[in-house]
Amino acid sequence: MYFKISIYHILIFSFLLKICLFVYIYFTNDLSIFYRPDTPSYLQPIINVINGNGYILDNGQYETSRPPGYPLVLGLSYLLGNIEAITIIIQIIVTTIAIYYVYKLS
């Protein structure tokens, strides 16, 4: 029996696999495994923007080494109340879309 696998099968499998892994980690482990030593340098500028203090670090210097795109995702997550879960869900959606566009491009 021949079964043709379409891009939609791959996208659904990829999405569900990432969701299952996230749910497993979310409910069985500490979410601090998602943190790296540079995590505060991503979070602090956007938290300062939300609080009205500008796109600055704790030491008062402006953050100029990275574009604000990723911290904006973190800001949305911060405003919605769960930085880890919402950021990871957004990343899962974005990577699933990226898989589709890489397929179309190739």
Protein backbone atom coordinates (compact mmCIF):
# COMPACT_ATOMS: atom_id res chain seq x y z
CA MET A 1 0.00 0.00 0.00
CA TYR A 2 1.36 3.37 -1.03
CA PHE A 3 0.87 6.40 1.22
CA LYS A 4 1.90 9.80 -0.07
CA ILE A 5 3.20 12.14 2.61
CA SER A 6 2.33 15.75 1.96
CA ILE A 7 3.84 18.87 3.46
CA TYR A 8 0.74 19.19 5.62
CA HIS A 9 1.41 15.80 7.21
CA ILE A 10 4.94 16.94 8.00
CA LEU A 11 3.75 20.27 9.40
CA ILE A 12 1.13 18.62 11.60
CA PHE A 13 3.61 16.01 12.82
CA SER A 14 6.24 18.66 13.53
CA PHE A 15 3.76 20.91 15.35
CA LEU A 16 2.33 18.09 17.46
CA LEU A 17 5.77 16.72 18.30
CA LYS A 18 6.94 20.14 19.52
CA ILE A 19 3.73 20.68 21.50
CA CYS A 20 4.01 17.22 23.11
CA LEU A 21 7.63 17.84 24.10
CA PHE A 22 6.76 21.23 25.53
CA VAL A 23 3.79 19.87 27.50
CA TYR A 24 5.91 17.02 28.85
CA ILE A 25 8.68 19.41 29.97
CA TYR A 26 6.17 21.95 31.30
CA PHE A 27 4.44 19.46 33.58
CA THR A 28 7.39 17.30 34.64
CA ASN A 29 10.33 19.69 35.03
CA ASP A 30 11.26 23.12 36.21
CA LEU A 31 10.93 25.72 33.45
CA SER A 32 14.32 27.14 34.39
CA ILE A 33 15.82 24.70 31.87
CA PHE A 34 14.73 27.22 29.22
CA TYR A 35 16.88 29.93 30.79
CA ARG A 36 20.45 30.66 29.76
CA PRO A 37 22.98 33.06 31.32
CA ASP A 38 22.00 35.76 28.79
CA THR A 39 18.24 35.52 29.47
CA PRO A 40 18.10 38.61 31.74
CA SER A 41 19.76 40.70 29.04
CA TYR A 42 16.82 39.86 26.75
CA LEU A 43 14.12 40.34 29.38
CA GLN A 44 15.26 43.49 31.14
CA PRO A 45 15.12 45.93 28.19
CA ILE A 46 11.56 44.99 27.25
CA ILE A 47 10.38 45.03 30.87
CA ASN A 48 11.87 48.52 31.14
CA VAL A 49 10.00 49.55 27.96
CA ILE A 50 6.74 48.25 29.43
CA ASN A 51 7.40 50.17 32.65
CA GLY A 52 8.10 53.35 30.68
CA ASN A 53 11.86 53.51 31.28
CA GLY A 54 13.03 52.99 27.68
CA TYR A 55 14.95 50.19 26.00
CA ILE A 56 17.74 50.09 28.59
CA LEU A 57 19.56 47.56 30.73
CA ASP A 58 19.68 47.63 34.54
CA ASN A 59 22.98 49.51 34.50
CA GLY A 60 21.32 52.45 32.70
CA GLN A 61 22.92 51.87 29.31
CA TYR A 62 20.80 51.58 26.18
CA GLU A 63 20.60 48.15 24.61
CA THR A 64 22.08 48.54 21.14
CA SER A 65 23.66 45.15 20.50
CA ARG A 66 20.46 43.39 19.38
CA PRO A 67 17.39 44.37 17.44
CA PRO A 68 14.20 44.59 19.51
CA GLY A 69 12.27 41.90 17.58
CA TYR A 70 12.77 38.98 19.94
CA PRO A 71 12.35 41.09 23.09
CA LEU A 72 9.01 42.26 21.65
CA VAL A 73 7.85 38.62 21.68
CA LEU A 74 9.06 38.41 25.28
CA GLY A 75 7.19 41.63 26.04
CA LEU A 76 3.95 40.14 24.75
CA SER A 77 4.57 37.08 26.90
CA TYR A 78 5.39 39.27 29.90
CA LEU A 79 2.15 41.24 29.48
CA LEU A 80 0.12 38.03 29.17
CA GLY A 81 1.61 36.73 32.40
CA ASN A 82 3.63 33.64 31.50
CA ILE A 83 6.91 34.42 29.80
CA GLU A 84 8.10 30.85 29.29
CA ALA A 85 4.90 29.19 28.07
CA ILE A 86 3.71 31.92 25.73
CA THR A 87 7.16 32.53 24.24
CA ILE A 88 7.62 28.83 23.55
CA ILE A 89 4.17 28.54 21.96
CA ILE A 90 4.97 31.53 19.72
CA GLN A 91 8.30 29.94 18.80
CA ILE A 92 6.56 26.64 17.95
CA ILE A 93 4.14 28.45 15.65
CA VAL A 94 6.92 30.47 13.99
CA THR A 95 9.12 27.41 13.41
CA THR A 96 6.19 25.49 11.94
CA ILE A 97 5.56 28.35 9.53
CA ALA A 98 9.29 28.43 8.75
CA ILE A 99 9.21 24.72 7.85
CA TYR A 100 6.45 25.44 5.35
CA TYR A 101 8.34 28.34 3.76
CA VAL A 102 11.58 26.37 3.54
CA TYR A 103 9.61 23.63 1.77
CA LYS A 104 8.09 26.14 -0.66
CA LEU A 105 11.45 27.76 -1.25
CA SER A 106 13.16 24.46 -1.99
